[in-house]
Amino acid sequence: MKEEDAINEFLNYLSSIKNYSENTINAYNLDILEFKDFIHNEKMAADLLKIRNRNVCKNYISYLSNYEYDKEKHLKYSATSIKRKISSLSSFYNYLEKEELVDKNLFLDLETPKKPKRLPKIIKNTEIEAMLESCDLENKLGYRNYCILLILFTSGLRVSELCNLEIKDIDFLDRTIKIKGKGNKDRIVILNEDVAPILKHYISTFRNDILYNSSDLENRHVFLNKNGTTLTRVGVRKILDKIVADSGDTFHISPHMLRHSFATTLLNNGMDLRSVQELLGHENLSTTQIYTHVSYEQMQKVYSNCFPRSQKTTKK
């Protein structure tokens, strides 16, 4: 059978048996034709049905991983795109193997480039200060927003943990907060020394004002919405968006970005990774280690400022 006929039969199989959409089938076709062009241009095999060496497949992955599409040497294919292309080819050769058109699927379980971990976005201290200054401390909701921002930044809580926080969980004497995290696992986080009296004042004054018109006067959650009921994740995000808008800025912020900033600030100021892991409630240290990359980037910037390339030492 000719390779063109094999491709057409596979595409017909995707349409009539698998009921794939036209766009999906076109994507499979493109992936196969690109691989076909590769083996022909590089003279690695006579056609798609006559590949015998798994190295051909590995060379194709290497080709995709290093393909540059402009003079600035930007790579055309991301790790995700390469993984999708290899998955298409594996499906194609799996079909050919079942139809006994090839001996085996050489693309099966082939290792592809791993998708790089995205570094967490953090908020600069100057941006946090501007947000804090924009909160109206004479207003009950403004003071509440001020406390929310402080707790998220200085204690590293997840947004769900903030919403579920109850008054009984706070020990103002020891300056600790008991948190029930993921998997109902308890942990203790530190209540910042400067934040403690601010939070205590909120609970004893403004929180009571917010609770006054509530239908649930027994609500013991620390942070309430304007109706006096428990704050939700969506509510917290809207509050943060409002704070940013009131500060006159336009950047995007999320509760998790404040958690990232919390972790990075601790590492940049010398706290060991294990302690940061405990405060964040990460089960695995590898989850916390991503913040070391952020801290390392900061160290590189500081180092570059101290030793710019333009600065040259002179011999005496």
C-alpha atoms as a PDB file:
ATOM      1  CA  MET A   1       0.000   0.000   0.000  1.00  0.00           C
ATOM      2  CA  LYS A   2       1.157   3.521  -0.785  1.00  0.00           C
ATOM      3  CA  GLU A   3       1.627   5.939   2.097  1.00  0.00           C
ATOM      4  CA  GLU A   4      -0.977   8.319   0.651  1.00  0.00           C
ATOM      5  CA  ASP A   5      -3.571   5.538   0.719  1.00  0.00           C
ATOM      6  CA  ALA A   6      -2.624   4.634   4.298  1.00  0.00           C
ATOM      7  CA  ILE A   7      -3.094   8.244   5.393  1.00  0.00           C
ATOM      8  CA  ASN A   8      -6.484   8.490   3.683  1.00  0.00           C
ATOM      9  CA  GLU A   9      -7.685   5.244   5.261  1.00  0.00           C
ATOM     10  CA  PHE A  10      -6.611   6.457   8.697  1.00  0.00           C
ATOM     11  CA  LEU A  11      -8.389   9.795   8.236  1.00  0.00           C
ATOM     12  CA  ASN A  12     -11.524   7.957   7.080  1.00  0.00           C
ATOM     13  CA  TYR A  13     -11.282   5.793  10.218  1.00  0.00           C
ATOM     14  CA  LEU A  14     -11.146   8.916  12.385  1.00  0.00           C
ATOM     15  CA  SER A  15     -14.213  10.299  10.641  1.00  0.00           C
ATOM     16  CA  SER A  16     -16.457   7.218  10.298  1.00  0.00           C
ATOM     17  CA  ILE A  17     -15.454   5.150  13.338  1.00  0.00           C
ATOM     18  CA  LYS A  18     -14.130   7.668  15.877  1.00  0.00           C
ATOM     19  CA  ASN A  19     -16.548  10.451  14.805  1.00  0.00           C
ATOM     20  CA  TYR A  20     -13.853  13.104  15.170  1.00  0.00           C
ATOM     21  CA  SER A  21     -14.595  16.657  14.066  1.00  0.00           C
ATOM     22  CA  GLU A  22     -13.308  18.022  10.781  1.00  0.00           C
ATOM     23  CA  ASN A  23     -10.873  20.348  12.593  1.00  0.00           C
ATOM     24  CA  THR A  24      -9.424  17.457  14.624  1.00  0.00           C
ATOM     25  CA  ILE A  25      -9.012  15.303  11.505  1.00  0.00           C
ATOM     26  CA  ASN A  26      -7.291  18.168   9.690  1.00  0.00           C
ATOM     27  CA  ALA A  27      -4.888  18.536  12.628  1.00  0.00           C
ATOM     28  CA  TYR A  28      -4.013  14.808  12.460  1.00  0.00           C
ATOM     29  CA  ASN A  29      -3.507  15.073   8.707  1.00  0.00           C
ATOM     30  CA  LEU A  30      -1.184  18.071   9.089  1.00  0.00           C
ATOM     31  CA  ASP A  31       0.891  16.319  11.751  1.00  0.00           C
ATOM     32  CA  ILE A  32       1.306  13.237   9.568  1.00  0.00           C
ATOM     33  CA  LEU A  33       2.197  15.234   6.450  1.00  0.00           C
ATOM     34  CA  GLU A  34       4.797  17.253   8.375  1.00  0.00           C
ATOM     35  CA  PHE A  35       6.444  14.025   9.525  1.00  0.00           C
ATOM     36  CA  LYS A  36       6.254  12.668   5.975  1.00  0.00           C
ATOM     37  CA  ASP A  37       8.065  15.754   4.659  1.00  0.00           C
ATOM     38  CA  PHE A  38      10.704  15.370   7.363  1.00  0.00           C
ATOM     39  CA  ILE A  39      11.646  11.770   6.530  1.00  0.00           C
ATOM     40  CA  HIS A  40      11.675  12.530   2.804  1.00  0.00           C
ATOM     41  CA  ASN A  41      13.737  15.719   3.083  1.00  0.00           C
ATOM     42  CA  GLU A  42      16.199  14.105   5.464  1.00  0.00           C
ATOM     43  CA  LYS A  43      16.201  10.862   3.444  1.00  0.00           C
ATOM     44  CA  MET A  44      15.578   8.774   6.574  1.00  0.00           C
ATOM     45  CA  ALA A  45      13.130   6.339   4.979  1.00  0.00           C
ATOM     46  CA  ALA A  46      11.522   5.635   1.619  1.00  0.00           C
ATOM     47  CA  ASP A  47       8.067   6.383   3.005  1.00  0.00           C
ATOM     48  CA  LEU A  48       5.955   6.351   6.165  1.00  0.00           C
ATOM     49  CA  LEU A  49       5.381   2.593   5.988  1.00  0.00           C
ATOM     50  CA  LYS A  50       9.056   1.668   5.729  1.00  0.00           C
ATOM     51  CA  ILE A  51      10.508   3.156   8.905  1.00  0.00           C
ATOM     52  CA  ARG A  52      12.365   0.456  10.816  1.00  0.00           C
ATOM     53  CA  ASN A  53      14.525   2.405  13.231  1.00  0.00           C
ATOM     54  CA  ARG A  54      13.141   4.124  16.339  1.00  0.00           C
ATOM     55  CA  ASN A  55      15.925   6.711  16.018  1.00  0.00           C
ATOM     56  CA  VAL A  56      14.012   8.270  13.118  1.00  0.00           C
ATOM     57  CA  CYS A  57      11.220   9.152  15.555  1.00  0.00           C
ATOM     58  CA  LYS A  58      13.698  10.471  18.116  1.00  0.00           C
ATOM     59  CA  ASN A  59      15.412  12.589  15.478  1.00  0.00           C
ATOM     60  CA  TYR A  60      12.044  14.073  14.541  1.00  0.00           C
ATOM     61  CA  ILE A  61      11.391  15.071  18.150  1.00  0.00           C
ATOM     62  CA  SER A  62      14.855  16.657  18.276  1.00  0.00           C
ATOM     63  CA  TYR A  63      14.085  18.503  15.029  1.00  0.00           C
ATOM     64  CA  LEU A  64      10.807  19.870  16.412  1.00  0.00           C
ATOM     65  CA  SER A  65      12.471  20.847  19.695  1.00  0.00           C
ATOM     66  CA  ASN A  66      15.114  22.949  17.958  1.00  0.00           C
ATOM     67  CA  TYR A  67      13.179  24.341  15.005  1.00  0.00           C
ATOM     68  CA  GLU A  68      13.616  28.128  14.787  1.00  0.00           C
ATOM     69  CA  TYR A  69      11.109  30.133  12.786  1.00  0.00           C
ATOM     70  CA  ASP A  70      12.817  33.517  12.583  1.00  0.00           C
ATOM     71  CA  LYS A  71      16.178  35.254  12.715  1.00  0.00           C
ATOM     72  CA  GLU A  72      15.709  36.006  16.404  1.00  0.00           C
ATOM     73  CA  LYS A  73      15.933  32.247  17.040  1.00  0.00           C
ATOM     74  CA  HIS A  74      12.459  31.877  18.482  1.00  0.00           C
ATOM     75  CA  LEU A  75      11.408  28.248  18.727  1.00  0.00           C
ATOM     76  CA  LYS A  76       8.311  27.418  16.709  1.00  0.00           C
ATOM     77  CA  TYR A  77       7.047  24.481  18.745  1.00  0.00           C
ATOM     78  CA  SER A  78       6.384  24.409  22.479  1.00  0.00           C
ATOM     79  CA  ALA A  79       6.695  21.239  24.554  1.00  0.00           C
ATOM     80  CA  THR A  80       2.887  20.996  24.534  1.00  0.00           C
ATOM     81  CA  SER A  81       2.733  21.258  20.729  1.00  0.00           C
ATOM     82  CA  ILE A  82       5.418  18.600  20.291  1.00  0.00           C
ATOM     83  CA  LYS A  83       3.612  16.263  22.686  1.00  0.00           C
ATOM     84  CA  ARG A  84       0.396  16.685  20.702  1.00  0.00           C
ATOM     85  CA  LYS A  85       2.156  16.016  17.361  1.00  0.00           C
ATOM     86  CA  ILE A  86       3.811  12.848  18.677  1.00  0.00           C
ATOM     87  CA  SER A  87       0.476  11.706  20.096  1.00  0.00           C
ATOM     88  CA  SER A  88      -1.072  12.123  16.615  1.00  0.00           C
ATOM     89  CA  LEU A  89       1.694  10.085  15.020  1.00  0.00           C
ATOM     90  CA  SER A  90       1.430   7.407  17.708  1.00  0.00           C
ATOM     91  CA  SER A  91      -2.299   7.085  16.975  1.00  0.00           C
ATOM     92  CA  PHE A  92      -1.540   6.882  13.239  1.00  0.00           C
ATOM     93  CA  TYR A  93       1.040   4.121  13.656  1.00  0.00           C
ATOM     94  CA  ASN A  94      -1.133   2.305  16.163  1.00  0.00           C
ATOM     95  CA  TYR A  95      -3.782   2.125  13.445  1.00  0.00           C
ATOM     96  CA  LEU A  96      -1.207   0.948  10.874  1.00  0.00           C
ATOM     97  CA  GLU A  97      -0.012  -1.765  13.248  1.00  0.00           C
ATOM     98  CA  LYS A  98      -3.556  -3.065  13.817  1.00  0.00           C
ATOM     99  CA  GLU A  99      -4.075  -3.116  10.050  1.00  0.00           C
ATOM    100  CA  GLU A 100      -0.757  -5.010   9.721  1.00  0.00           C
ATOM    101  CA  LEU A 101       0.693  -2.302   7.511  1.00  0.00           C
ATOM    102  CA  VAL A 102       3.718  -1.892   9.816  1.00  0.00           C
ATOM    103  CA  ASP A 103       5.394  -4.316  12.200  1.00  0.00           C
ATOM    104  CA  LYS A 104       5.130  -2.101  15.275  1.00  0.00           C
ATOM    105  CA  ASN A 105       4.351   1.387  16.486  1.00  0.00           C
ATOM    106  CA  LEU A 106       7.758   3.052  16.907  1.00  0.00           C
ATOM    107  CA  PHE A 107       6.166   6.151  18.429  1.00  0.00           C
ATOM    108  CA  LEU A 108       4.637   4.226  21.334  1.00  0.00           C
ATOM    109  CA  ASP A 109       5.855   5.471  24.753  1.00  0.00           C
ATOM    110  CA  LEU A 110       8.390   7.751  23.123  1.00  0.00           C
ATOM    111  CA  GLU A 111       9.686  10.392  25.532  1.00  0.00           C
ATOM    112  CA  THR A 112       8.849  13.972  24.585  1.00  0.00           C
ATOM    113  CA  PRO A 113      10.159  17.274  26.000  1.00  0.00           C
ATOM    114  CA  LYS A 114       8.631  18.116  29.347  1.00  0.00           C
ATOM    115  CA  LYS A 115       6.533  21.214  29.637  1.00  0.00           C
ATOM    116  CA  PRO A 116       8.578  23.745  31.619  1.00  0.00           C
ATOM    117  CA  LYS A 117       7.146  24.715  34.971  1.00  0.00           C
ATOM    118  CA  ARG A 118       5.734  28.192  34.948  1.00  0.00           C
ATOM    119  CA  LEU A 119       7.278  30.377  37.584  1.00  0.00           C
ATOM    120  CA  PRO A 120       4.671  31.821  39.935  1.00  0.00           C
ATOM    121  CA  LYS A 121       3.788  35.459  39.438  1.00  0.00           C
ATOM    122  CA  ILE A 122       4.482  37.645  42.412  1.00  0.00           C
ATOM    123  CA  ILE A 123       3.500  41.154  43.435  1.00  0.00           C
ATOM    124  CA  LYS A 124       6.139  43.760  44.157  1.00  0.00           C
ATOM    125  CA  ASN A 125       6.313  45.224  47.647  1.00  0.00           C
ATOM    126  CA  THR A 126       5.700  48.699  46.212  1.00  0.00           C
ATOM    127  CA  GLU A 127       2.479  47.452  44.619  1.00  0.00           C
ATOM    128  CA  ILE A 128       1.323  45.890  47.880  1.00  0.00           C
ATOM    129  CA  GLU A 129       2.089  49.121  49.747  1.00  0.00           C
ATOM    130  CA  ALA A 130       0.050  51.108  47.209  1.00  0.00           C
ATOM    131  CA  MET A 131      -2.858  48.687  47.654  1.00  0.00           C
ATOM    132  CA  LEU A 132      -2.718  48.980  51.438  1.00  0.00           C
ATOM    133  CA  GLU A 133      -2.665  52.766  51.244  1.00  0.00           C
ATOM    134  CA  SER A 134      -5.778  52.765  49.045  1.00  0.00           C
ATOM    135  CA  CYS A 135      -7.915  51.046  51.727  1.00  0.00           C
ATOM    136  CA  ASP A 136     -10.258  53.380  53.621  1.00  0.00           C
ATOM    137  CA  LEU A 137      -9.552  52.549  57.266  1.00  0.00           C
ATOM    138  CA  GLU A 138     -12.461  54.702  58.461  1.00  0.00           C
ATOM    139  CA  ASN A 139     -14.905  52.473  56.601  1.00  0.00           C
ATOM    140  CA  LYS A 140     -15.908  49.018  57.912  1.00  0.00           C
ATOM    141  CA  LEU A 141     -15.504  47.330  54.530  1.00  0.00           C
ATOM    142  CA  GLY A 142     -12.321  49.251  53.785  1.00  0.00           C
ATOM    143  CA  TYR A 143     -10.824  48.126  57.088  1.00  0.00           C
ATOM    144  CA  ARG A 144     -11.925  44.546  56.376  1.00  0.00           C
ATOM    145  CA  ASN A 145     -10.252  44.702  52.959  1.00  0.00           C
ATOM    146  CA  TYR A 146      -7.099  46.030  54.608  1.00  0.00           C
ATOM    147  CA  CYS A 147      -7.017  43.030  56.958  1.00  0.00           C
ATOM    148  CA  ILE A 148      -7.681  40.553  54.144  1.00  0.00           C
ATOM    149  CA  LEU A 149      -4.757  41.908  52.152  1.00  0.00           C
ATOM    150  CA  LEU A 150      -2.457  41.833  55.172  1.00  0.00           C
ATOM    151  CA  ILE A 151      -3.369  38.269  56.162  1.00  0.00           C
ATOM    152  CA  LEU A 152      -2.970  36.894  52.639  1.00  0.00           C
ATOM    153  CA  PHE A 153       0.430  38.544  52.218  1.00  0.00           C
ATOM    154  CA  THR A 154       1.929  38.001  55.686  1.00  0.00           C
ATOM    155  CA  SER A 155       0.528  34.542  56.481  1.00  0.00           C
ATOM    156  CA  GLY A 156       0.415  32.896  53.044  1.00  0.00           C
ATOM    157  CA  LEU A 157      -3.112  31.520  53.305  1.00  0.00           C
ATOM    158  CA  ARG A 158      -4.935  29.946  50.387  1.00  0.00           C
ATOM    159  CA  VAL A 159      -8.132  31.806  49.503  1.00  0.00           C
ATOM    160  CA  SER A 160     -10.266  28.881  50.750  1.00  0.00           C
ATOM    161  CA  GLU A 161      -8.365  28.918  54.044  1.00  0.00           C
ATOM    162  CA  LEU A 162      -9.017  32.638  54.410  1.00  0.00           C
ATOM    163  CA  CYS A 163     -12.750  32.180  53.770  1.00  0.00           C
ATOM    164  CA  ASN A 164     -12.987  29.300  56.259  1.00  0.00           C
ATOM    165  CA  LEU A 165     -11.005  31.070  58.984  1.00  0.00           C
ATOM    166  CA  GLU A 166     -12.937  31.371  62.268  1.00  0.00           C
ATOM    167  CA  ILE A 167     -12.273  33.577  65.287  1.00  0.00           C
ATOM    168  CA  LYS A 168     -11.460  30.541  67.473  1.00  0.00           C
ATOM    169  CA  ASP A 169      -8.598  29.644  65.101  1.00  0.00           C
ATOM    170  CA  ILE A 170      -6.649  32.769  66.049  1.00  0.00           C
ATOM    171  CA  ASP A 171      -4.408  32.852  69.115  1.00  0.00           C
ATOM    172  CA  PHE A 172      -3.488  36.498  69.661  1.00  0.00           C
ATOM    173  CA  LEU A 173      -1.339  35.656  72.683  1.00  0.00           C
ATOM    174  CA  ASP A 174       0.961  33.273  70.801  1.00  0.00           C
ATOM    175  CA  ARG A 175       0.370  35.115  67.513  1.00  0.00           C
ATOM    176  CA  THR A 176      -0.536  31.963  65.614  1.00  0.00           C
ATOM    177  CA  ILE A 177      -3.379  30.902  63.354  1.00  0.00           C
ATOM    178  CA  LYS A 178      -4.620  27.321  63.128  1.00  0.00           C
ATOM    179  CA  ILE A 179      -5.419  26.444  59.538  1.00  0.00           C
ATOM    180  CA  LYS A 180      -7.296  23.456  58.168  1.00  0.00           C
ATOM    181  CA  GLY A 181      -5.679  23.026  54.784  1.00  0.00           C
ATOM    182  CA  LYS A 182      -5.948  20.601  51.888  1.00  0.00           C
ATOM    183  CA  GLY A 183      -7.024  17.106  52.849  1.00  0.00           C
ATOM    184  CA  ASN A 184      -8.278  18.446  56.202  1.00  0.00           C
ATOM    185  CA  LYS A 185      -4.687  18.631  57.407  1.00  0.00           C
ATOM    186  CA  ASP A 186      -4.103  21.118  60.213  1.00  0.00           C
ATOM    187  CA  ARG A 187      -1.113  23.430  60.297  1.00  0.00           C
ATOM    188  CA  ILE A 188      -0.042  26.455  62.264  1.00  0.00           C
ATOM    189  CA  VAL A 189       0.925  29.716  60.566  1.00  0.00           C
ATOM    190  CA  ILE A 190       2.385  32.825  62.125  1.00  0.00           C
ATOM    191  CA  LEU A 191       0.309  35.930  62.762  1.00  0.00           C
ATOM    192  CA  ASN A 192       2.542  38.875  61.991  1.00  0.00           C
ATOM    193  CA  GLU A 193       3.359  40.986  65.048  1.00  0.00           C
ATOM    194  CA  ASP A 194       2.275  44.224  63.370  1.00  0.00           C
ATOM    195  CA  VAL A 195      -0.838  42.662  61.846  1.00  0.00           C
ATOM    196  CA  ALA A 196      -2.129  41.101  65.112  1.00  0.00           C
ATOM    197  CA  PRO A 197      -3.451  44.330  66.738  1.00  0.00           C
ATOM    198  CA  ILE A 198      -4.966  45.449  63.422  1.00  0.00           C
ATOM    199  CA  LEU A 199      -6.835  42.164  63.024  1.00  0.00           C
ATOM    200  CA  LYS A 200      -7.902  42.199  66.670  1.00  0.00           C
ATOM    201  CA  HIS A 201      -9.336  45.691  66.266  1.00  0.00           C
ATOM    202  CA  TYR A 202     -11.261  44.609  63.161  1.00  0.00           C
ATOM    203  CA  ILE A 203     -12.812  41.628  64.951  1.00  0.00           C
ATOM    204  CA  SER A 204     -13.861  43.644  67.994  1.00  0.00           C
ATOM    205  CA  THR A 205     -15.285  46.623  66.081  1.00  0.00           C
ATOM    206  CA  PHE A 206     -15.856  46.658  62.328  1.00  0.00           C
ATOM    207  CA  ARG A 207     -16.681  42.947  62.072  1.00  0.00           C
ATOM    208  CA  ASN A 208     -19.514  43.441  64.573  1.00  0.00           C
ATOM    209  CA  ASP A 209     -20.818  46.335  62.461  1.00  0.00           C
ATOM    210  CA  ILE A 210     -20.805  44.122  59.332  1.00  0.00           C
ATOM    211  CA  LEU A 211     -22.515  41.268  61.216  1.00  0.00           C
ATOM    212  CA  TYR A 212     -25.232  43.553  62.617  1.00  0.00           C
ATOM    213  CA  ASN A 213     -27.658  43.158  59.693  1.00  0.00           C
ATOM    214  CA  SER A 214     -26.862  39.512  59.060  1.00  0.00           C
ATOM    215  CA  SER A 215     -29.488  36.767  59.115  1.00  0.00           C
ATOM    216  CA  ASP A 216     -26.916  34.606  60.916  1.00  0.00           C
ATOM    217  CA  LEU A 217     -25.745  36.487  63.999  1.00  0.00           C
ATOM    218  CA  GLU A 218     -23.933  33.350  65.207  1.00  0.00           C
ATOM    219  CA  ASN A 219     -21.546  33.375  62.239  1.00  0.00           C
ATOM    220  CA  ARG A 220     -18.015  33.004  63.626  1.00  0.00           C
ATOM    221  CA  HIS A 221     -16.059  33.374  60.398  1.00  0.00           C
ATOM    222  CA  VAL A 222     -13.522  36.175  60.560  1.00  0.00           C
ATOM    223  CA  PHE A 223     -14.185  37.719  57.175  1.00  0.00           C
ATOM    224  CA  LEU A 224     -17.754  38.489  56.116  1.00  0.00           C
ATOM    225  CA  ASN A 225     -19.285  40.004  53.015  1.00  0.00           C
ATOM    226  CA  LYS A 226     -21.285  43.240  53.104  1.00  0.00           C
ATOM    227  CA  ASN A 227     -24.421  41.271  54.057  1.00  0.00           C
ATOM    228  CA  GLY A 228     -22.741  39.752  57.083  1.00  0.00           C
ATOM    229  CA  THR A 229     -22.484  36.227  55.654  1.00  0.00           C
ATOM    230  CA  THR A 230     -19.359  34.162  55.031  1.00  0.00           C
ATOM    231  CA  LEU A 231     -17.068  35.509  52.346  1.00  0.00           C
ATOM    232  CA  THR A 232     -16.567  33.362  49.220  1.00  0.00           C
ATOM    233  CA  ARG A 233     -13.557  32.851  46.945  1.00  0.00           C
ATOM    234  CA  VAL A 234     -15.207  34.932  44.238  1.00  0.00           C
ATOM    235  CA  GLY A 235     -15.893  37.628  46.802  1.00  0.00           C
ATOM    236  CA  VAL A 236     -12.232  37.769  47.830  1.00  0.00           C
ATOM    237  CA  ARG A 237     -11.121  38.108  44.206  1.00  0.00           C
ATOM    238  CA  LYS A 238     -13.580  40.963  43.659  1.00  0.00           C
ATOM    239  CA  ILE A 239     -12.278  42.681  46.795  1.00  0.00           C
ATOM    240  CA  LEU A 240      -8.692  42.439  45.558  1.00  0.00           C
ATOM    241  CA  ASP A 241      -9.700  43.784  42.139  1.00  0.00           C
ATOM    242  CA  LYS A 242     -11.387  46.736  43.850  1.00  0.00           C
ATOM    243  CA  ILE A 243      -8.312  47.445  45.961  1.00  0.00           C
ATOM    244  CA  VAL A 244      -6.129  47.489  42.839  1.00  0.00           C
ATOM    245  CA  ALA A 245      -8.585  49.794  41.065  1.00  0.00           C
ATOM    246  CA  ASP A 246      -8.731  52.123  44.079  1.00  0.00           C
ATOM    247  CA  SER A 247      -4.935  52.282  44.126  1.00  0.00           C
ATOM    248  CA  GLY A 248      -5.023  53.664  40.593  1.00  0.00           C
ATOM    249  CA  ASP A 249      -3.252  50.660  39.080  1.00  0.00           C
ATOM    250  CA  THR A 250      -4.372  48.183  36.421  1.00  0.00           C
ATOM    251  CA  PHE A 251      -2.401  44.984  37.071  1.00  0.00           C
ATOM    252  CA  HIS A 252      -4.143  41.655  37.638  1.00  0.00           C
ATOM    253  CA  ILE A 253      -4.025  40.178  41.108  1.00  0.00           C
ATOM    254  CA  SER A 254      -5.199  36.915  42.631  1.00  0.00           C
ATOM    255  CA  PRO A 255      -5.086  35.563  46.191  1.00  0.00           C
ATOM    256  CA  HIS A 256      -2.547  32.974  45.051  1.00  0.00           C
ATOM    257  CA  MET A 257      -0.191  35.687  43.810  1.00  0.00           C
ATOM    258  CA  LEU A 258      -0.096  37.061  47.359  1.00  0.00           C
ATOM    259  CA  ARG A 259       0.700  33.551  48.600  1.00  0.00           C
ATOM    260  CA  HIS A 260       3.532  33.399  46.057  1.00  0.00           C
ATOM    261  CA  SER A 261       4.818  36.769  47.239  1.00  0.00           C
ATOM    262  CA  PHE A 262       4.687  35.562  50.847  1.00  0.00           C
ATOM    263  CA  ALA A 263       6.850  32.515  50.064  1.00  0.00           C
ATOM    264  CA  THR A 264       9.318  34.432  47.921  1.00  0.00           C
ATOM    265  CA  THR A 265       9.720  37.188  50.520  1.00  0.00           C
ATOM    266  CA  LEU A 266      10.590  34.610  53.192  1.00  0.00           C
ATOM    267  CA  LEU A 267      13.153  32.854  50.987  1.00  0.00           C
ATOM    268  CA  ASN A 268      14.709  36.122  49.836  1.00  0.00           C
ATOM    269  CA  ASN A 269      15.185  37.095  53.469  1.00  0.00           C
ATOM    270  CA  GLY A 270      16.868  33.872  54.524  1.00  0.00           C
ATOM    271  CA  MET A 271      14.178  31.438  55.704  1.00  0.00           C
ATOM    272  CA  ASP A 272      15.024  27.809  54.926  1.00  0.00           C
ATOM    273  CA  LEU A 273      12.955  25.855  52.420  1.00  0.00           C
ATOM    274  CA  ARG A 274      11.603  23.344  54.955  1.00  0.00           C
ATOM    275  CA  SER A 275      10.162  26.090  57.138  1.00  0.00           C
ATOM    276  CA  VAL A 276       8.507  27.736  54.133  1.00  0.00           C
ATOM    277  CA  GLN A 277       7.076  24.332  53.201  1.00  0.00           C
ATOM    278  CA  GLU A 278       5.503  24.009  56.654  1.00  0.00           C
ATOM    279  CA  LEU A 279       4.013  27.497  56.563  1.00  0.00           C
ATOM    280  CA  LEU A 280       2.545  26.940  53.098  1.00  0.00           C
ATOM    281  CA  GLY A 281       1.190  23.501  53.980  1.00  0.00           C
ATOM    282  CA  HIS A 282       2.856  21.778  51.017  1.00  0.00           C
ATOM    283  CA  GLU A 283       2.917  18.002  51.341  1.00  0.00           C
ATOM    284  CA  ASN A 284       5.978  17.659  49.103  1.00  0.00           C
ATOM    285  CA  LEU A 285       9.106  19.791  49.238  1.00  0.00           C
ATOM    286  CA  SER A 286       9.264  19.745  45.428  1.00  0.00           C
ATOM    287  CA  THR A 287       6.130  21.914  45.334  1.00  0.00           C
ATOM    288  CA  THR A 288       7.868  24.539  47.460  1.00  0.00           C
ATOM    289  CA  GLN A 289      11.115  24.376  45.481  1.00  0.00           C
ATOM    290  CA  ILE A 290       9.634  26.312  42.579  1.00  0.00           C
ATOM    291  CA  TYR A 291       9.971  29.430  44.733  1.00  0.00           C
ATOM    292  CA  THR A 292      13.735  28.945  44.871  1.00  0.00           C
ATOM    293  CA  HIS A 293      13.798  29.692  41.145  1.00  0.00           C
ATOM    294  CA  VAL A 294      12.035  32.999  41.757  1.00  0.00           C
ATOM    295  CA  SER A 295      14.476  33.814  44.544  1.00  0.00           C
ATOM    296  CA  TYR A 296      17.411  32.845  42.333  1.00  0.00           C
ATOM    297  CA  GLU A 297      16.180  35.232  39.640  1.00  0.00           C
ATOM    298  CA  GLN A 298      16.129  37.986  42.259  1.00  0.00           C
ATOM    299  CA  MET A 299      19.678  37.114  43.303  1.00  0.00           C
ATOM    300  CA  GLN A 300      20.789  37.299  39.681  1.00  0.00           C
ATOM    301  CA  LYS A 301      19.329  40.791  39.329  1.00  0.00           C
ATOM    302  CA  VAL A 302      21.055  41.964  42.506  1.00  0.00           C
ATOM    303  CA  TYR A 303      24.322  40.406  41.348  1.00  0.00           C
ATOM    304  CA  SER A 304      24.037  42.066  37.927  1.00  0.00           C
ATOM    305  CA  ASN A 305      23.524  45.443  39.586  1.00  0.00           C
ATOM    306  CA  CYS A 306      26.661  44.898  41.668  1.00  0.00           C
ATOM    307  CA  PHE A 307      28.749  43.611  38.766  1.00  0.00           C
ATOM    308  CA  PRO A 308      27.361  45.006  35.492  1.00  0.00           C
ATOM    309  CA  ARG A 309      29.111  43.759  32.380  1.00  0.00           C
ATOM    310  CA  SER A 310      30.059  47.306  31.484  1.00  0.00           C
ATOM    311  CA  GLN A 311      31.983  47.592  34.739  1.00  0.00           C
ATOM    312  CA  LYS A 312      35.606  46.622  34.180  1.00  0.00           C
ATOM    313  CA  THR A 313      38.383  46.157  36.644  1.00  0.00           C
ATOM    314  CA  THR A 314      41.560  48.069  35.964  1.00  0.00           C
ATOM    315  CA  LYS A 315      45.044  46.868  36.566  1.00  0.00           C
ATOM    316  CA  LYS A 316      47.337  48.995  38.656  1.00  0.00           C
END
